[in-house]
Protein backbone atom coordinates (compact mmCIF):
# COMPACT_ATOMS: atom_id res chain seq x y z
CA MET A 1 -4.16 8.76 26.18
CA ASP A 2 -6.03 11.71 24.38
CA THR A 3 -9.05 10.50 22.35
CA LEU A 4 -8.73 10.78 18.58
CA ARG A 5 -12.09 11.76 16.81
CA ALA A 6 -13.30 10.06 13.44
CA VAL A 7 -15.58 10.96 11.09
CA LEU A 8 -16.51 7.93 8.53
CA VAL A 9 -17.85 8.87 4.85
CA GLY A 10 -19.81 6.47 2.89
CA CYS A 11 -21.75 4.12 4.81
CA GLY A 12 -22.44 1.23 2.15
CA ASN A 13 -21.43 -2.49 2.51
CA MET A 14 -17.91 -2.01 2.91
CA SER A 15 -18.25 0.37 5.90
CA ARG A 16 -19.02 -2.57 8.08
CA GLY A 17 -15.64 -4.27 7.83
CA TRP A 18 -14.14 -0.44 8.66
CA LEU A 19 -16.38 -0.04 11.39
CA ARG A 20 -15.44 -3.58 12.58
CA THR A 21 -12.09 -2.49 13.46
CA ILE A 22 -12.27 1.22 14.06
CA THR A 23 -14.95 0.64 16.85
CA THR A 24 -12.13 -1.64 18.83
CA ILE A 25 -9.42 0.84 18.87
CA GLU A 26 -8.90 2.36 22.05
CA GLY A 27 -8.36 6.09 22.27
CA LEU A 28 -10.19 6.28 19.16
CA THR A 29 -13.91 7.45 18.93
CA VAL A 30 -16.47 7.66 15.65
CA ALA A 31 -17.81 11.23 16.00
CA GLY A 32 -19.58 11.25 12.94
CA LEU A 33 -21.50 9.30 9.84
CA VAL A 34 -21.88 10.45 6.81
CA ASP A 35 -23.61 9.35 3.66
CA VAL A 36 -25.38 10.94 0.62
CA VAL A 37 -28.27 8.90 2.04
CA GLU A 38 -28.56 9.97 5.64
CA ASP A 39 -30.74 6.75 6.52
CA ALA A 40 -27.45 4.47 5.39
CA ALA A 41 -25.45 6.51 8.16
CA ARG A 42 -28.27 6.23 10.88
CA ALA A 43 -28.68 2.36 9.87
CA ARG A 44 -24.51 2.10 10.65
CA LYS A 45 -24.91 4.09 13.85
CA ASP A 46 -27.53 1.95 15.50
CA GLU A 47 -25.58 -1.57 14.22
CA PHE A 48 -22.68 -0.69 15.68
CA GLY A 49 -24.21 1.22 18.86
CA LEU A 50 -22.55 4.84 18.27
CA ALA A 51 -24.82 6.40 20.44
CA HIS A 52 -22.98 9.87 20.43
CA ALA A 53 -22.01 9.82 16.71
CA ARG A 54 -23.91 12.41 14.48
CA THR A 55 -24.87 11.52 11.32
CA GLY A 56 -25.35 13.64 8.04
CA ASP A 57 -25.48 13.84 4.38
CA ASP A 58 -22.78 16.89 4.19
CA LEU A 59 -19.48 16.45 4.78
CA GLU A 60 -18.47 20.10 5.20
CA ALA A 61 -21.09 20.68 7.52
CA MET A 62 -19.92 17.63 9.53
CA LEU A 63 -16.54 18.31 10.01
CA SER A 64 -17.16 21.86 10.86
CA ALA A 65 -19.70 20.52 13.55
CA VAL A 66 -17.31 17.80 15.28
CA GLU A 67 -13.52 18.80 13.94
CA PRO A 68 -12.49 15.43 13.88
CA ASP A 69 -8.45 14.60 13.63
CA ILE A 70 -9.09 11.59 11.28
CA VAL A 71 -11.54 11.12 8.04
CA PHE A 72 -11.99 7.55 6.83
CA ASP A 73 -13.20 7.79 3.19
CA VAL A 74 -15.38 4.38 2.14
CA THR A 75 -17.00 6.05 -0.81
CA VAL A 76 -17.23 5.36 -4.22
CA PRO A 77 -14.14 5.76 -6.43
CA GLU A 78 -15.50 9.12 -8.15
CA ALA A 79 -15.82 10.71 -4.74
CA HIS A 80 -12.28 9.64 -3.41
CA ALA A 81 -10.75 13.32 -4.45
CA GLN A 82 -13.54 15.51 -3.26
CA THR A 83 -13.87 13.75 -0.02
CA THR A 84 -10.06 13.83 0.37
CA MET A 85 -9.58 17.35 -0.42
CA THR A 86 -12.28 18.59 1.75
CA ALA A 87 -11.02 16.76 4.73
CA LEU A 88 -7.52 18.01 4.23
CA ARG A 89 -8.95 21.61 3.72
CA HIS A 90 -10.51 20.89 7.44
CA GLY A 91 -7.19 19.72 8.50
CA CYS A 92 -8.04 16.06 8.89
CA HIS A 93 -5.72 12.82 8.28
CA VAL A 94 -7.38 11.01 6.07
CA LEU A 95 -7.41 6.97 4.99
CA GLY A 96 -9.11 6.24 2.04
CA GLU A 97 -10.35 3.14 -0.12
CA LYS A 98 -8.48 2.17 -3.23
CA PRO A 99 -8.37 3.73 -6.17
CA MET A 100 -6.83 6.91 -4.52
CA ALA A 101 -8.49 8.70 -7.63
CA THR A 102 -9.91 8.08 -11.04
CA SER A 103 -7.46 10.01 -12.74
CA MET A 104 -3.74 10.91 -12.07
CA ASP A 105 -4.43 14.88 -12.11
CA ASP A 106 -6.85 14.53 -9.40
CA ALA A 107 -4.48 11.91 -7.47
CA ARG A 108 -1.56 14.69 -8.02
CA ARG A 109 -3.71 17.67 -6.60
CA MET A 110 -4.59 14.91 -3.65
CA VAL A 111 -0.63 14.24 -3.01
CA GLU A 112 0.04 17.96 -2.99
CA ALA A 113 -3.02 18.97 -0.88
CA ALA A 114 -1.62 16.46 1.91
CA GLN A 115 1.82 17.57 1.65
CA ARG A 116 0.84 21.45 1.82
CA ALA A 117 -1.63 20.50 4.67
CA GLY A 118 1.02 18.49 6.48
CA LYS A 119 -1.54 16.01 7.14
CA LEU A 120 -1.25 12.03 6.68
CA TYR A 121 -3.14 10.78 3.67
CA ALA A 122 -2.56 7.25 2.93
CA VAL A 123 -4.73 4.64 0.47
CA VAL A 124 -5.97 1.28 1.61
CA GLN A 125 -3.93 -1.61 0.21
CA ASN A 126 -4.97 -4.42 2.35
CA ARG A 127 -3.09 -7.01 0.25
CA ARG A 128 0.14 -6.54 1.53
CA TYR A 129 -1.22 -7.24 4.88
CA ALA A 130 -0.88 -10.83 5.27
CA ALA A 131 1.59 -13.12 6.28
CA PRO A 132 2.42 -15.26 3.38
CA ILE A 133 2.99 -12.08 1.05
CA ARG A 134 5.51 -10.91 3.77
CA ARG A 135 7.51 -14.01 3.53
CA VAL A 136 7.48 -14.46 -0.24
CA ARG A 137 8.87 -11.00 -0.13
CA GLU A 138 11.67 -11.63 2.25
CA PHE A 139 12.35 -14.63 0.07
CA LEU A 140 12.91 -12.58 -3.14
CA ARG A 141 14.83 -10.04 -1.45
CA SER A 142 17.07 -12.92 -0.02
CA GLY A 143 18.97 -13.26 -3.40
CA ALA A 144 18.17 -16.78 -3.24
CA ILE A 145 17.06 -17.08 -6.79
CA GLY A 146 19.49 -14.16 -8.05
CA PRO A 147 18.67 -11.02 -9.22
CA LEU A 148 14.89 -10.84 -10.53
CA THR A 149 14.46 -10.55 -14.27
CA THR A 150 10.72 -11.72 -14.97
CA MET A 151 7.29 -11.66 -13.19
CA ASN A 152 3.91 -12.93 -14.05
CA CYS A 153 0.65 -12.87 -12.21
CA ASP A 154 -2.71 -14.10 -13.39
CA PHE A 155 -6.09 -13.41 -11.99
CA TYR A 156 -9.28 -14.82 -12.76
CA ILE A 157 -12.11 -14.88 -10.91
CA GLY A 158 -16.16 -14.53 -11.78
CA ALA A 159 -16.96 -12.02 -9.58
CA HIS A 160 -20.92 -10.84 -8.97
CA PHE A 161 -20.91 -7.62 -7.30
CA GLY A 162 -23.93 -5.84 -8.43
CA GLY A 163 -24.17 -2.33 -7.97
CA PHE A 164 -21.34 0.48 -9.27
CA ARG A 165 -18.88 -2.06 -10.62
CA ASP A 166 -21.47 -3.68 -13.11
CA HIS A 167 -21.22 0.07 -14.95
CA MET A 168 -17.67 1.15 -14.26
CA PRO A 169 -15.18 1.71 -17.13
CA HIS A 170 -11.84 -0.09 -16.84
CA VAL A 171 -13.41 -2.06 -14.23
CA LEU A 172 -10.62 -4.62 -13.94
CA LEU A 173 -7.72 -2.38 -14.40
CA LEU A 174 -9.22 0.46 -11.83
CA ASP A 175 -10.86 -1.40 -9.34
CA MET A 176 -9.03 -4.62 -8.75
CA ALA A 177 -5.60 -4.75 -10.61
CA ILE A 178 -4.73 -1.71 -8.32
CA HIS A 179 -4.23 -4.40 -6.01
CA THR A 180 -2.15 -6.66 -7.98
CA PHE A 181 0.16 -3.49 -9.51
CA ASP A 182 0.93 -2.64 -5.96
CA GLN A 183 1.92 -6.21 -4.71
CA ALA A 184 4.37 -6.49 -7.73
CA ARG A 185 5.84 -3.16 -6.32
CA PHE A 186 5.50 -4.38 -2.72
CA LEU A 187 6.95 -7.93 -3.38
CA THR A 188 10.07 -6.69 -5.53
CA GLY A 189 10.62 -2.89 -4.43
CA LEU A 190 10.73 -1.92 -8.12
CA ASP A 191 8.67 0.63 -9.89
CA ALA A 192 7.19 0.53 -13.28
CA VAL A 193 8.84 2.76 -15.83
CA ARG A 194 6.85 2.14 -19.09
CA VAL A 195 3.70 -0.02 -20.13
CA ALA A 196 5.06 -1.89 -23.31
CA PHE A 197 1.50 -3.08 -24.02
CA CYS A 198 -1.94 -3.33 -22.79
CA LYS A 199 -5.17 -4.43 -24.39
CA GLU A 200 -8.62 -4.54 -22.63
CA TRP A 201 -11.75 -6.13 -23.90
CA ASN A 202 -15.05 -7.41 -22.56
CA PRO A 203 -15.45 -11.21 -23.02
CA ARG A 204 -18.79 -12.90 -24.66
CA GLY A 205 -20.95 -13.41 -21.74
CA SER A 206 -19.59 -10.87 -19.54
CA TRP A 207 -22.16 -9.35 -17.11
CA TYR A 208 -20.29 -5.78 -16.85
CA ASP A 209 -21.09 -3.38 -19.02
CA ARG A 210 -17.42 -2.21 -19.79
CA ASP A 211 -14.05 -4.15 -20.23
CA ALA A 212 -13.88 -6.42 -17.61
CA SER A 213 -10.53 -8.46 -18.80
CA ALA A 214 -7.10 -7.11 -19.63
CA ILE A 215 -3.56 -8.20 -20.17
CA ALA A 216 -0.57 -5.85 -19.76
CA VAL A 217 3.15 -5.72 -20.01
CA PHE A 218 5.14 -3.39 -17.64
CA GLU A 219 8.70 -2.44 -17.85
CA MET A 220 9.80 -1.99 -14.18
CA ASP A 221 13.36 -0.79 -12.67
CA ASP A 222 16.42 -2.83 -13.53
CA GLY A 223 14.98 -3.96 -16.92
CA VAL A 224 12.56 -6.59 -15.05
CA VAL A 225 9.49 -7.43 -16.94
CA PHE A 226 6.15 -7.89 -15.23
CA THR A 227 3.20 -9.26 -17.06
CA TYR A 228 -0.42 -9.25 -15.76
CA ARG A 229 -3.16 -11.31 -17.32
CA GLY A 230 -6.76 -10.79 -15.75
CA SER A 231 -10.60 -11.18 -15.71
CA TRP A 232 -13.16 -10.62 -13.65
CA CYS A 233 -15.71 -12.46 -15.20
CA ALA A 234 -14.00 -15.82 -15.74
CA GLU A 235 -16.24 -18.80 -14.44
CA GLY A 236 -14.11 -21.84 -13.28
CA ILE A 237 -10.63 -22.62 -11.95
CA ASN A 238 -10.48 -19.26 -10.34
CA THR A 239 -7.32 -18.15 -9.00
CA SER A 240 -6.98 -16.52 -5.43
CA TRP A 241 -7.88 -12.74 -4.94
CA GLU A 242 -4.10 -12.49 -4.58
CA GLY A 243 -3.39 -13.94 -7.94
CA GLU A 244 -1.24 -16.70 -9.02
CA TRP A 245 2.37 -15.52 -9.18
CA ARG A 246 5.69 -16.77 -11.16
CA PHE A 247 9.04 -15.09 -10.34
CA VAL A 248 11.97 -15.68 -12.62
CA GLY A 249 15.69 -14.94 -11.27
CA ALA A 250 18.77 -15.35 -12.74
CA ASN A 251 19.63 -18.29 -10.69
CA GLY A 252 16.08 -19.93 -10.16
CA SER A 253 12.52 -19.56 -10.34
CA ALA A 254 9.67 -19.29 -7.50
CA THR A 255 5.87 -19.57 -7.75
CA TRP A 256 3.22 -18.53 -5.52
CA ASP A 257 -0.79 -19.16 -5.34
CA GLY A 258 -1.50 -16.07 -3.51
CA GLY A 259 -1.97 -18.24 -0.40
CA SER A 260 -0.05 -21.18 1.40
CA SER A 261 1.37 -22.97 -1.34
CA PHE A 262 4.66 -21.61 -2.59
CA ARG A 263 7.47 -23.29 -4.25
CA ALA A 264 11.13 -22.51 -5.22
CA GLN A 265 13.98 -24.38 -7.02
CA THR A 266 17.84 -23.33 -8.05
CA PRO A 267 20.14 -25.40 -10.14
CA GLU A 268 22.04 -28.13 -7.84
CA GLU A 269 23.87 -29.32 -10.88
CA ARG A 270 25.02 -27.35 -13.82
CA CYS A 271 25.42 -29.83 -16.21
CA GLY A 272 23.40 -31.50 -19.31
CA LEU A 273 20.35 -30.09 -21.36
CA ILE A 274 18.08 -28.96 -18.22
CA TYR A 275 19.67 -28.78 -14.78
CA LYS A 276 18.89 -30.82 -12.15
CA GLN A 277 17.14 -28.60 -9.21
CA ARG A 278 17.07 -28.31 -5.80
CA ASP A 279 14.00 -26.80 -3.68
CA LEU A 280 14.39 -23.85 -1.58
CA ALA A 281 12.22 -22.87 1.54
CA LEU A 282 10.41 -19.64 2.54
CA PRO A 283 11.86 -17.98 5.51
CA GLU A 284 10.36 -17.90 8.82
CA LEU A 285 9.22 -14.55 9.75
CA ASP A 286 7.95 -13.29 12.96
CA THR A 287 4.36 -12.13 11.79
CA ALA A 288 2.84 -11.89 15.29
CA GLY A 289 0.06 -9.20 15.55
CA LEU A 290 -0.14 -8.88 11.95
CA SER A 291 -3.59 -8.69 11.27
CA GLU A 292 -5.12 -9.87 7.95
CA GLY A 293 -6.35 -6.88 5.55
CA HIS A 294 -8.05 -3.76 6.49
CA ALA A 295 -7.42 -4.23 10.33
CA SER A 296 -3.79 -3.91 9.87
CA VAL A 297 -3.91 -0.79 7.73
CA ILE A 298 -6.12 0.87 9.73
CA ARG A 299 -4.39 0.19 13.01
CA GLN A 300 -1.03 1.13 11.49
CA PHE A 301 -2.79 4.39 10.34
CA VAL A 302 -3.95 5.22 13.68
CA ARG A 303 -0.83 4.62 15.13
CA CYS A 304 0.96 6.96 12.99
CA VAL A 305 -1.32 9.72 13.48
CA ARG A 306 -1.05 9.44 17.28
CA GLU A 307 2.71 8.57 17.39
CA GLY A 308 4.39 10.01 14.49
CA GLY A 309 5.76 7.96 11.56
CA THR A 310 4.69 7.32 8.11
CA PRO A 311 2.28 4.55 6.70
CA GLU A 312 3.27 1.84 4.50
CA THR A 313 0.69 3.16 2.13
CA ILE A 314 1.31 6.71 2.46
CA CYS A 315 -0.13 8.53 -0.92
CA THR A 316 3.27 9.53 -2.26
CA ASP A 317 3.86 6.03 -2.58
CA ASN A 318 0.34 4.61 -3.57
CA VAL A 319 0.24 7.03 -6.41
CA LYS A 320 2.73 4.77 -8.09
CA SER A 321 0.68 1.97 -8.00
CA LEU A 322 -1.89 3.81 -9.24
CA ALA A 323 0.07 5.53 -12.17
CA MET A 324 0.53 1.84 -13.47
CA VAL A 325 -3.37 1.41 -13.74
CA PHE A 326 -3.57 4.70 -15.87
CA GLY A 327 -0.36 3.92 -17.90
CA ALA A 328 -2.11 0.47 -18.72
CA ILE A 329 -5.26 2.38 -19.58
CA GLU A 330 -3.76 4.92 -21.62
CA ALA A 331 -1.63 2.07 -23.33
CA ALA A 332 -4.94 0.43 -24.14
CA GLU A 333 -6.71 3.23 -25.30
CA ARG A 334 -3.71 4.25 -27.69
CA GLY A 335 -2.66 1.16 -28.91
CA GLN A 336 1.04 1.89 -28.36
CA PRO A 337 3.46 1.91 -25.34
CA VAL A 338 3.54 4.43 -22.63
CA THR A 339 5.85 5.81 -20.29
CA ILE A 340 4.64 6.33 -16.67
CA ARG A 341 4.29 9.28 -15.40
CA ILE A 342 3.55 10.24 -11.85
């Protein structure tokens, strides 16, 4: 097996989770670590025993020196576009943190650059990679509750991150709702065509500088309506990080708490004011080998680089989830509906 060489860019706290997986993949070696503060790169090198890895604070210089196959982008959102474009220009495949970019113009340029270079560029959407969401997706696609008409998700967590998120504009929509919007597309196979309404605000008592709460209503393919309500500064009775979902079909409904709690019903007898319902069960799926979160994304990406194939979260797909984010932001700023543009 030929060894693939990788450079990881961005050696903050999040890089630990990436390196825990990267350093266990056979045939993959970390050839370089880059951070604007080189001491952070040196710290990760020592922490993970990467004796042969170079460290530096200049990505261009690192790529020229080690000529890696893959760049892992774990930088802050504002640096994603520049990091990805630089890596692609040097002929590297790229797997990056979400969100893909902090503007749709940058995202489009990144997709075009990957296509021009003939390299894989994918984005981490770790919440796709868990057994419960895949079972719910299979249930919805089975038609057990009929064609989907309505989908709702609530997300309420009081998250005290500190750091860049406390000062980030559109922090909930751009840094977190990207997960929920991508889940909506993943669960249903539908894309958003229009933002009918969106409002952002920063509630009293918020520890964020900018809007940390939002409500959005999307029109999806096939006339399905998707509503999102969320806050990152809501203390008490938190939802899961995956949100709490309700799916309404033409022949029944289902709820999912983002974890192990799932319930679905369809009419048993069609008579009377309110029909008697019967419970439906989730299908059993073979989820052996499915790791939680980042590990599955990283492993799948490396496998595609080595063997061919397309990662599930390839940029040409993920840009559709990002377009929902920026469509919602635009609708909130303009106070009127917005057509989703890729």
